[in-house]
């Protein structure tokens, strides 16, 4: 986790806050940086956020 945070330009504590919900609305650029480090495109990330039909 420390390596991912550092590669995204974040502190490990910030990443922990995002993961635990203590930072419920991270900035777009934070999300984009994390997606890039994890090898996800923003399109892929958005597809995972779409609600499934009920």
N, C-alpha and C. Protein backbone atom coordinates (compact mmCIF):
# COMPACT_ATOMS: atom_id res chain seq x y z
N UNK A 1 0.82 -1.18 0.00
CA UNK A 1 0.00 0.00 0.00
C UNK A 1 0.87 1.26 0.00
N UNK A 2 1.94 1.23 0.73
CA UNK A 2 2.83 2.38 0.80
C UNK A 2 3.39 2.70 -0.59
N UNK A 3 3.74 1.64 -1.34
CA UNK A 3 4.30 1.84 -2.68
C UNK A 3 3.26 2.45 -3.63
N UNK A 4 2.02 1.97 -3.55
CA UNK A 4 0.95 2.49 -4.41
C UNK A 4 0.71 3.96 -4.08
N UNK A 5 0.62 4.27 -2.81
CA UNK A 5 0.40 5.66 -2.39
C UNK A 5 1.53 6.56 -2.89
N UNK A 6 2.76 6.14 -2.69
CA UNK A 6 3.90 6.94 -3.12
C UNK A 6 3.92 7.14 -4.63
N UNK A 7 3.63 6.08 -5.38
CA UNK A 7 3.62 6.18 -6.84
C UNK A 7 2.53 7.12 -7.33
N UNK A 8 1.44 7.23 -6.57
CA UNK A 8 0.35 8.14 -6.94
C UNK A 8 0.56 9.55 -6.39
N UNK A 9 1.63 9.74 -5.63
CA UNK A 9 1.90 11.06 -5.06
C UNK A 9 1.07 11.35 -3.83
N UNK A 10 0.65 10.29 -3.12
CA UNK A 10 -0.16 10.44 -1.91
C UNK A 10 0.60 9.90 -0.72
N UNK A 11 0.17 10.30 0.45
CA UNK A 11 0.72 9.68 1.65
C UNK A 11 -0.03 8.38 1.90
N UNK A 12 0.61 7.46 2.60
CA UNK A 12 -0.05 6.21 2.95
C UNK A 12 -1.28 6.49 3.80
N UNK A 13 -1.23 7.49 4.65
CA UNK A 13 -2.37 7.84 5.50
C UNK A 13 -3.56 8.30 4.66
N UNK A 14 -3.30 9.08 3.63
CA UNK A 14 -4.39 9.52 2.75
C UNK A 14 -5.04 8.32 2.08
N UNK A 15 -4.24 7.39 1.60
CA UNK A 15 -4.79 6.19 0.97
C UNK A 15 -5.59 5.37 1.98
N UNK A 16 -5.10 5.27 3.21
CA UNK A 16 -5.85 4.56 4.25
C UNK A 16 -7.20 5.23 4.50
N UNK A 17 -7.22 6.56 4.53
CA UNK A 17 -8.47 7.28 4.75
C UNK A 17 -9.47 7.02 3.62
N UNK A 18 -8.98 6.97 2.40
CA UNK A 18 -9.85 6.68 1.26
C UNK A 18 -10.40 5.26 1.39
N UNK A 19 -9.54 4.32 1.70
CA UNK A 19 -9.95 2.92 1.80
C UNK A 19 -10.96 2.68 2.91
N UNK A 20 -10.84 3.40 4.01
CA UNK A 20 -11.71 3.17 5.15
C UNK A 20 -12.94 4.07 5.16
N UNK A 21 -13.03 4.97 4.18
CA UNK A 21 -14.19 5.85 4.12
C UNK A 21 -14.07 7.11 4.95
N UNK A 22 -12.92 7.33 5.57
CA UNK A 22 -12.73 8.57 6.32
C UNK A 22 -12.46 9.74 5.40
N UNK A 23 -12.18 9.46 4.14
CA UNK A 23 -12.08 10.48 3.08
C UNK A 23 -13.06 10.04 2.00
N UNK A 24 -14.36 10.25 2.23
CA UNK A 24 -15.37 9.66 1.35
C UNK A 24 -15.44 10.23 -0.06
N UNK A 25 -14.92 11.40 -0.27
CA UNK A 25 -14.98 12.00 -1.61
C UNK A 25 -13.61 12.52 -2.02
N UNK A 26 -12.71 11.61 -2.39
CA UNK A 26 -11.38 12.05 -2.82
C UNK A 26 -11.48 12.89 -4.10
N UNK A 27 -10.55 13.78 -4.26
CA UNK A 27 -10.52 14.65 -5.44
C UNK A 27 -10.34 13.81 -6.72
N UNK A 28 -10.88 14.33 -7.81
CA UNK A 28 -10.77 13.64 -9.10
C UNK A 28 -9.33 13.29 -9.43
N UNK A 29 -8.42 14.23 -9.23
CA UNK A 29 -7.02 13.99 -9.59
C UNK A 29 -6.40 12.91 -8.72
N UNK A 30 -6.86 12.76 -7.48
CA UNK A 30 -6.40 11.68 -6.62
C UNK A 30 -6.85 10.34 -7.17
N UNK A 31 -8.12 10.27 -7.55
CA UNK A 31 -8.67 9.03 -8.13
C UNK A 31 -7.95 8.70 -9.44
N UNK A 32 -7.73 9.71 -10.27
CA UNK A 32 -7.05 9.49 -11.55
C UNK A 32 -5.62 9.00 -11.32
N UNK A 33 -4.92 9.55 -10.35
CA UNK A 33 -3.55 9.13 -10.06
C UNK A 33 -3.53 7.68 -9.57
N UNK A 34 -4.46 7.32 -8.70
CA UNK A 34 -4.52 5.95 -8.21
C UNK A 34 -4.87 4.98 -9.34
N UNK A 35 -5.81 5.36 -10.19
CA UNK A 35 -6.17 4.51 -11.32
C UNK A 35 -4.96 4.26 -12.21
N UNK A 36 -4.21 5.31 -12.48
CA UNK A 36 -3.02 5.17 -13.33
C UNK A 36 -1.99 4.23 -12.73
N UNK A 37 -1.76 4.35 -11.44
CA UNK A 37 -0.80 3.49 -10.76
C UNK A 37 -1.26 2.04 -10.79
N UNK A 38 -2.56 1.84 -10.69
CA UNK A 38 -3.11 0.48 -10.67
C UNK A 38 -3.35 -0.09 -12.06
N UNK A 39 -3.03 0.70 -13.09
CA UNK A 39 -3.17 0.22 -14.46
C UNK A 39 -4.60 0.21 -14.97
N UNK A 40 -5.44 1.06 -14.40
CA UNK A 40 -6.83 1.17 -14.84
C UNK A 40 -7.03 2.46 -15.61
N UNK A 41 -7.80 2.39 -16.67
CA UNK A 41 -8.17 3.63 -17.36
C UNK A 41 -9.34 4.23 -16.60
N UNK A 42 -9.59 5.50 -16.80
CA UNK A 42 -10.74 6.13 -16.16
C UNK A 42 -12.04 5.55 -16.69
N UNK A 43 -12.05 5.09 -17.94
CA UNK A 43 -13.23 4.43 -18.49
C UNK A 43 -13.52 3.13 -17.74
N UNK A 44 -12.47 2.35 -17.48
CA UNK A 44 -12.65 1.11 -16.73
C UNK A 44 -13.15 1.39 -15.32
N UNK A 45 -12.59 2.40 -14.71
CA UNK A 45 -12.98 2.77 -13.36
C UNK A 45 -14.44 3.21 -13.33
N UNK A 46 -14.85 4.01 -14.28
CA UNK A 46 -16.23 4.47 -14.35
C UNK A 46 -17.18 3.30 -14.57
N UNK A 47 -16.77 2.34 -15.37
CA UNK A 47 -17.63 1.17 -15.63
C UNK A 47 -17.88 0.38 -14.35
N UNK A 48 -16.92 0.35 -13.45
CA UNK A 48 -17.09 -0.35 -12.18
C UNK A 48 -17.99 0.42 -11.22
N UNK A 49 -18.20 1.68 -11.48
CA UNK A 49 -19.00 2.52 -10.59
C UNK A 49 -20.46 2.61 -11.01
N UNK A 50 -20.80 2.09 -12.17
CA UNK A 50 -22.16 2.16 -12.65
C UNK A 50 -23.00 1.13 -11.89
N UNK A 51 -24.16 1.58 -11.45
CA UNK A 51 -25.05 0.67 -10.72
C UNK A 51 -25.67 -0.36 -11.66
N UNK A 52 -25.76 -1.57 -11.21
CA UNK A 52 -26.39 -2.63 -11.99
C UNK A 52 -27.90 -2.40 -11.99
N UNK A 53 -28.57 -2.74 -13.08
CA UNK A 53 -30.02 -2.57 -13.11
C UNK A 53 -30.70 -3.43 -12.05
N UNK A 54 -31.76 -2.90 -11.48
CA UNK A 54 -32.47 -3.63 -10.41
C UNK A 54 -33.43 -4.66 -10.97
